[in-house]
Amino acid sequence: MNKSINENFKILEELLEELEKNEDNLDKSIQIYEKARSIYKQIDQQLKDYKAKVEIISKDE
């Protein structure tokens, strides 16, 4: 199930905090990074979708 953009930002923030705290385990850091990258891609797509909607609305005015 897709999460809202706000939920994704919160998850990304939590992952970044976890990454900052994880200083000793490179494997875990890579796993956290991969999760964060996936969430980032979702946020990027959501922003593109919102932009497209705004452009459609703006053209109608």
PDB file of N, CA and C in Angstrom:
ATOM      1  N   MET A   1       0.828  -1.192   0.000  1.00  0.00           N
ATOM      2  CA  MET A   1       0.000   0.000   0.000  1.00  0.00           C
ATOM      3  C   MET A   1       0.866   1.247   0.000  1.00  0.00           C
ATOM      4  N   ASN A   2       0.529   2.197  -0.836  1.00  0.00           N
ATOM      5  CA  ASN A   2       1.293   3.432  -0.904  1.00  0.00           C
ATOM      6  C   ASN A   2       0.985   4.314   0.289  1.00  0.00           C
ATOM      7  N   LYS A   3       2.012   4.914   0.806  1.00  0.00           N
ATOM      8  CA  LYS A   3       1.857   5.820   1.930  1.00  0.00           C
ATOM      9  C   LYS A   3       1.751   7.248   1.414  1.00  0.00           C
ATOM     10  N   SER A   4       1.212   8.121   2.250  1.00  0.00           N
ATOM     11  CA  SER A   4       1.128   9.529   1.868  1.00  0.00           C
ATOM     12  C   SER A   4       2.531  10.117   1.847  1.00  0.00           C
ATOM     13  N   ILE A   5       2.648  11.246   1.210  1.00  0.00           N
ATOM     14  CA  ILE A   5       3.958  11.897   1.140  1.00  0.00           C
ATOM     15  C   ILE A   5       4.441  12.281   2.539  1.00  0.00           C
ATOM     16  N   ASN A   6       3.517  12.691   3.406  1.00  0.00           N
ATOM     17  CA  ASN A   6       3.907  13.048   4.776  1.00  0.00           C
ATOM     18  C   ASN A   6       4.417  11.827   5.538  1.00  0.00           C
ATOM     19  N   GLU A   7       3.760  10.687   5.349  1.00  0.00           N
ATOM     20  CA  GLU A   7       4.223   9.454   5.993  1.00  0.00           C
ATOM     21  C   GLU A   7       5.605   9.069   5.472  1.00  0.00           C
ATOM     22  N   ASN A   8       5.811   9.211   4.174  1.00  0.00           N
ATOM     23  CA  ASN A   8       7.113   8.888   3.593  1.00  0.00           C
ATOM     24  C   ASN A   8       8.210   9.814   4.103  1.00  0.00           C
ATOM     25  N   PHE A   9       7.908  11.101   4.254  1.00  0.00           N
ATOM     26  CA  PHE A   9       8.903  12.020   4.812  1.00  0.00           C
ATOM     27  C   PHE A   9       9.259  11.624   6.241  1.00  0.00           C
ATOM     28  N   LYS A  10       8.262  11.217   7.021  1.00  0.00           N
ATOM     29  CA  LYS A  10       8.511  10.802   8.400  1.00  0.00           C
ATOM     30  C   LYS A  10       9.387   9.553   8.436  1.00  0.00           C
ATOM     31  N   ILE A  11       9.088   8.584   7.586  1.00  0.00           N
ATOM     32  CA  ILE A  11       9.887   7.358   7.519  1.00  0.00           C
ATOM     33  C   ILE A  11      11.322   7.695   7.112  1.00  0.00           C
ATOM     34  N   LEU A  12      11.462   8.559   6.120  1.00  0.00           N
ATOM     35  CA  LEU A  12      12.796   8.953   5.664  1.00  0.00           C
ATOM     36  C   LEU A  12      13.573   9.631   6.786  1.00  0.00           C
ATOM     37  N   GLU A  13      12.914  10.495   7.518  1.00  0.00           N
ATOM     38  CA  GLU A  13      13.566  11.175   8.638  1.00  0.00           C
ATOM     39  C   GLU A  13      14.028  10.163   9.694  1.00  0.00           C
ATOM     40  N   GLU A  14      13.175   9.189  10.002  1.00  0.00           N
ATOM     41  CA  GLU A  14      13.539   8.154  10.969  1.00  0.00           C
ATOM     42  C   GLU A  14      14.721   7.323  10.488  1.00  0.00           C
ATOM     43  N   LEU A  15      14.724   6.995   9.208  1.00  0.00           N
ATOM     44  CA  LEU A  15      15.838   6.228   8.654  1.00  0.00           C
ATOM     45  C   LEU A  15      17.140   7.015   8.706  1.00  0.00           C
ATOM     46  N   LEU A  16      17.071   8.297   8.433  1.00  0.00           N
ATOM     47  CA  LEU A  16      18.278   9.123   8.484  1.00  0.00           C
ATOM     48  C   LEU A  16      18.811   9.235   9.912  1.00  0.00           C
ATOM     49  N   GLU A  17      17.904   9.349  10.873  1.00  0.00           N
ATOM     50  CA  GLU A  17      18.328   9.372  12.278  1.00  0.00           C
ATOM     51  C   GLU A  17      18.988   8.052  12.657  1.00  0.00           C
ATOM     52  N   GLU A  18      18.385   6.951  12.214  1.00  0.00           N
ATOM     53  CA  GLU A  18      18.947   5.629  12.487  1.00  0.00           C
ATOM     54  C   GLU A  18      20.324   5.484  11.839  1.00  0.00           C
ATOM     55  N   LEU A  19      20.462   6.003  10.648  1.00  0.00           N
ATOM     56  CA  LEU A  19      21.747   5.943   9.952  1.00  0.00           C
ATOM     57  C   LEU A  19      22.812   6.751  10.695  1.00  0.00           C
ATOM     58  N   GLU A  20      22.430   7.912  11.207  1.00  0.00           N
ATOM     59  CA  GLU A  20      23.379   8.736  11.967  1.00  0.00           C
ATOM     60  C   GLU A  20      23.841   8.045  13.246  1.00  0.00           C
ATOM     61  N   LYS A  21      22.945   7.293  13.885  1.00  0.00           N
ATOM     62  CA  LYS A  21      23.276   6.602  15.132  1.00  0.00           C
ATOM     63  C   LYS A  21      24.103   5.352  14.887  1.00  0.00           C
ATOM     64  N   ASN A  22      23.992   4.777  13.723  1.00  0.00           N
ATOM     65  CA  ASN A  22      24.668   3.529  13.407  1.00  0.00           C
ATOM     66  C   ASN A  22      26.069   3.831  12.876  1.00  0.00           C
ATOM     67  N   GLU A  23      27.036   3.759  13.759  1.00  0.00           N
ATOM     68  CA  GLU A  23      28.405   4.110  13.368  1.00  0.00           C
ATOM     69  C   GLU A  23      29.304   2.892  13.146  1.00  0.00           C
ATOM     70  N   ASP A  24      28.911   1.752  13.701  1.00  0.00           N
ATOM     71  CA  ASP A  24      29.831   0.618  13.732  1.00  0.00           C
ATOM     72  C   ASP A  24      29.548  -0.481  12.720  1.00  0.00           C
ATOM     73  N   ASN A  25      28.339  -0.539  12.204  1.00  0.00           N
ATOM     74  CA  ASN A  25      27.962  -1.666  11.364  1.00  0.00           C
ATOM     75  C   ASN A  25      27.708  -1.201   9.931  1.00  0.00           C
ATOM     76  N   LEU A  26      28.682  -1.428   9.084  1.00  0.00           N
ATOM     77  CA  LEU A  26      28.583  -0.990   7.690  1.00  0.00           C
ATOM     78  C   LEU A  26      27.452  -1.698   6.951  1.00  0.00           C
ATOM     79  N   ASP A  27      27.279  -2.994   7.191  1.00  0.00           N
ATOM     80  CA  ASP A  27      26.200  -3.735   6.524  1.00  0.00           C
ATOM     81  C   ASP A  27      24.835  -3.146   6.876  1.00  0.00           C
ATOM     82  N   LYS A  28      24.630  -2.847   8.156  1.00  0.00           N
ATOM     83  CA  LYS A  28      23.360  -2.267   8.574  1.00  0.00           C
ATOM     84  C   LYS A  28      23.193  -0.875   7.955  1.00  0.00           C
ATOM     85  N   SER A  29      24.262  -0.104   7.893  1.00  0.00           N
ATOM     86  CA  SER A  29      24.200   1.226   7.280  1.00  0.00           C
ATOM     87  C   SER A  29      23.772   1.139   5.818  1.00  0.00           C
ATOM     88  N   ILE A  30      24.283   0.154   5.118  1.00  0.00           N
ATOM     89  CA  ILE A  30      23.922  -0.029   3.709  1.00  0.00           C
ATOM     90  C   ILE A  30      22.449  -0.407   3.586  1.00  0.00           C
ATOM     91  N   GLN A  31      21.957  -1.267   4.479  1.00  0.00           N
ATOM     92  CA  GLN A  31      20.541  -1.643   4.461  1.00  0.00           C
ATOM     93  C   GLN A  31      19.649  -0.421   4.717  1.00  0.00           C
ATOM     94  N   ILE A  32      20.029   0.383   5.681  1.00  0.00           N
ATOM     95  CA  ILE A  32      19.263   1.596   5.993  1.00  0.00           C
ATOM     96  C   ILE A  32      19.279   2.528   4.791  1.00  0.00           C
ATOM     97  N   TYR A  33      20.449   2.692   4.182  1.00  0.00           N
ATOM     98  CA  TYR A  33      20.573   3.554   3.003  1.00  0.00           C
ATOM     99  C   TYR A  33      19.668   3.072   1.877  1.00  0.00           C
ATOM    100  N   GLU A  34      19.643   1.765   1.647  1.00  0.00           N
ATOM    101  CA  GLU A  34      18.804   1.218   0.579  1.00  0.00           C
ATOM    102  C   GLU A  34      17.321   1.489   0.847  1.00  0.00           C
ATOM    103  N   LYS A  35      16.892   1.333   2.092  1.00  0.00           N
ATOM    104  CA  LYS A  35      15.502   1.639   2.443  1.00  0.00           C
ATOM    105  C   LYS A  35      15.218   3.123   2.227  1.00  0.00           C
ATOM    106  N   ALA A  36      16.145   3.964   2.675  1.00  0.00           N
ATOM    107  CA  ALA A  36      15.966   5.413   2.532  1.00  0.00           C
ATOM    108  C   ALA A  36      15.907   5.799   1.058  1.00  0.00           C
ATOM    109  N   ARG A  37      16.721   5.209   0.249  1.00  0.00           N
ATOM    110  CA  ARG A  37      16.740   5.501  -1.188  1.00  0.00           C
ATOM    111  C   ARG A  37      15.401   5.111  -1.829  1.00  0.00           C
ATOM    112  N   SER A  38      14.857   3.980  -1.414  1.00  0.00           N
ATOM    113  CA  SER A  38      13.563   3.541  -1.922  1.00  0.00           C
ATOM    114  C   SER A  38      12.458   4.533  -1.542  1.00  0.00           C
ATOM    115  N   ILE A  39      12.458   4.968  -0.301  1.00  0.00           N
ATOM    116  CA  ILE A  39      11.472   5.955   0.149  1.00  0.00           C
ATOM    117  C   ILE A  39      11.658   7.266  -0.609  1.00  0.00           C
ATOM    118  N   TYR A  40      12.908   7.668  -0.808  1.00  0.00           N
ATOM    119  CA  TYR A  40      13.189   8.898  -1.561  1.00  0.00           C
ATOM    120  C   TYR A  40      12.596   8.823  -2.969  1.00  0.00           C
ATOM    121  N   LYS A  41      12.748   7.689  -3.611  1.00  0.00           N
ATOM    122  CA  LYS A  41      12.198   7.522  -4.963  1.00  0.00           C
ATOM    123  C   LYS A  41      10.677   7.647  -4.952  1.00  0.00           C
ATOM    124  N   GLN A  42      10.045   7.098  -3.917  1.00  0.00           N
ATOM    125  CA  GLN A  42       8.591   7.225  -3.804  1.00  0.00           C
ATOM    126  C   GLN A  42       8.187   8.688  -3.628  1.00  0.00           C
ATOM    127  N   ILE A  43       8.909   9.397  -2.770  1.00  0.00           N
ATOM    128  CA  ILE A  43       8.623  10.816  -2.547  1.00  0.00           C
ATOM    129  C   ILE A  43       8.815  11.604  -3.836  1.00  0.00           C
ATOM    130  N   ASP A  44       9.880  11.311  -4.546  1.00  0.00           N
ATOM    131  CA  ASP A  44      10.155  12.002  -5.810  1.00  0.00           C
ATOM    132  C   ASP A  44       9.008  11.797  -6.802  1.00  0.00           C
ATOM    133  N   GLN A  45       8.514  10.573  -6.895  1.00  0.00           N
ATOM    134  CA  GLN A  45       7.403  10.292  -7.802  1.00  0.00           C
ATOM    135  C   GLN A  45       6.133  10.998  -7.342  1.00  0.00           C
ATOM    136  N   GLN A  46       5.890  11.009  -6.042  1.00  0.00           N
ATOM    137  CA  GLN A  46       4.716  11.699  -5.512  1.00  0.00           C
ATOM    138  C   GLN A  46       4.779  13.189  -5.838  1.00  0.00           C
ATOM    139  N   LEU A  47       5.947  13.785  -5.688  1.00  0.00           N
ATOM    140  CA  LEU A  47       6.096  15.209  -6.005  1.00  0.00           C
ATOM    141  C   LEU A  47       5.865  15.471  -7.490  1.00  0.00           C
ATOM    142  N   LYS A  48       6.350  14.585  -8.343  1.00  0.00           N
ATOM    143  CA  LYS A  48       6.117  14.732  -9.783  1.00  0.00           C
ATOM    144  C   LYS A  48       4.629  14.642 -10.099  1.00  0.00           C
ATOM    145  N   ASP A  49       3.947  13.719  -9.416  1.00  0.00           N
ATOM    146  CA  ASP A  49       2.499  13.581  -9.617  1.00  0.00           C
ATOM    147  C   ASP A  49       1.764  14.843  -9.185  1.00  0.00           C
ATOM    148  N   TYR A  50       2.138  15.381  -8.029  1.00  0.00           N
ATOM    149  CA  TYR A  50       1.506  16.620  -7.552  1.00  0.00           C
ATOM    150  C   TYR A  50       1.767  17.769  -8.518  1.00  0.00           C
ATOM    151  N   LYS A  51       2.983  17.850  -9.022  1.00  0.00           N
ATOM    152  CA  LYS A  51       3.324  18.913  -9.964  1.00  0.00           C
ATOM    153  C   LYS A  51       2.468  18.810 -11.225  1.00  0.00           C
ATOM    154  N   ALA A  52       2.298  17.597 -11.721  1.00  0.00           N
ATOM    155  CA  ALA A  52       1.481  17.394 -12.920  1.00  0.00           C
ATOM    156  C   ALA A  52       0.035  17.811 -12.664  1.00  0.00           C
ATOM    157  N   LYS A  53      -0.491  17.502 -11.493  1.00  0.00           N
ATOM    158  CA  LYS A  53      -1.855  17.892 -11.148  1.00  0.00           C
ATOM    159  C   LYS A  53      -1.987  19.415 -11.097  1.00  0.00           C
ATOM    160  N   VAL A  54      -0.999  20.071 -10.493  1.00  0.00           N
ATOM    161  CA  VAL A  54      -1.020  21.533 -10.400  1.00  0.00           C
ATOM    162  C   VAL A  54      -0.957  22.153 -11.783  1.00  0.00           C
ATOM    163  N   GLU A  55      -0.138  21.597 -12.657  1.00  0.00           N
ATOM    164  CA  GLU A  55      -0.038  22.123 -14.023  1.00  0.00           C
ATOM    165  C   GLU A  55      -1.371  21.976 -14.763  1.00  0.00           C
ATOM    166  N   ILE A  56      -2.053  20.866 -14.566  1.00  0.00           N
ATOM    167  CA  ILE A  56      -3.359  20.654 -15.204  1.00  0.00           C
ATOM    168  C   ILE A  56      -4.364  21.671 -14.672  1.00  0.00           C
ATOM    169  N   ILE A  57      -4.370  21.854 -13.382  1.00  0.00           N
ATOM    170  CA  ILE A  57      -5.296  22.819 -12.770  1.00  0.00           C
ATOM    171  C   ILE A  57      -5.000  24.230 -13.272  1.00  0.00           C
ATOM    172  N   SER A  58      -3.721  24.560 -13.351  1.00  0.00           N
ATOM    173  CA  SER A  58      -3.314  25.900 -13.797  1.00  0.00           C
ATOM    174  C   SER A  58      -3.705  26.166 -15.248  1.00  0.00           C
ATOM    175  N   LYS A  59      -3.651  25.154 -16.080  1.00  0.00           N
ATOM    176  CA  LYS A  59      -4.008  25.316 -17.487  1.00  0.00           C
ATOM    177  C   LYS A  59      -5.498  25.558 -17.654  1.00  0.00           C
ATOM    178  N   ASP A  60      -6.292  25.023 -16.748  1.00  0.00           N
ATOM    179  CA  ASP A  60      -7.731  25.170 -16.825  1.00  0.00           C
ATOM    180  C   ASP A  60      -8.206  26.572 -16.443  1.00  0.00           C
ATOM    181  N   GLU A  61      -7.353  27.340 -15.825  1.00  0.00           N
ATOM    182  CA  GLU A  61      -7.773  28.674 -15.356  1.00  0.00           C
ATOM    183  C   GLU A  61      -7.703  29.707 -16.444  1.00  0.00           C
TER     184      GLU A  61
END
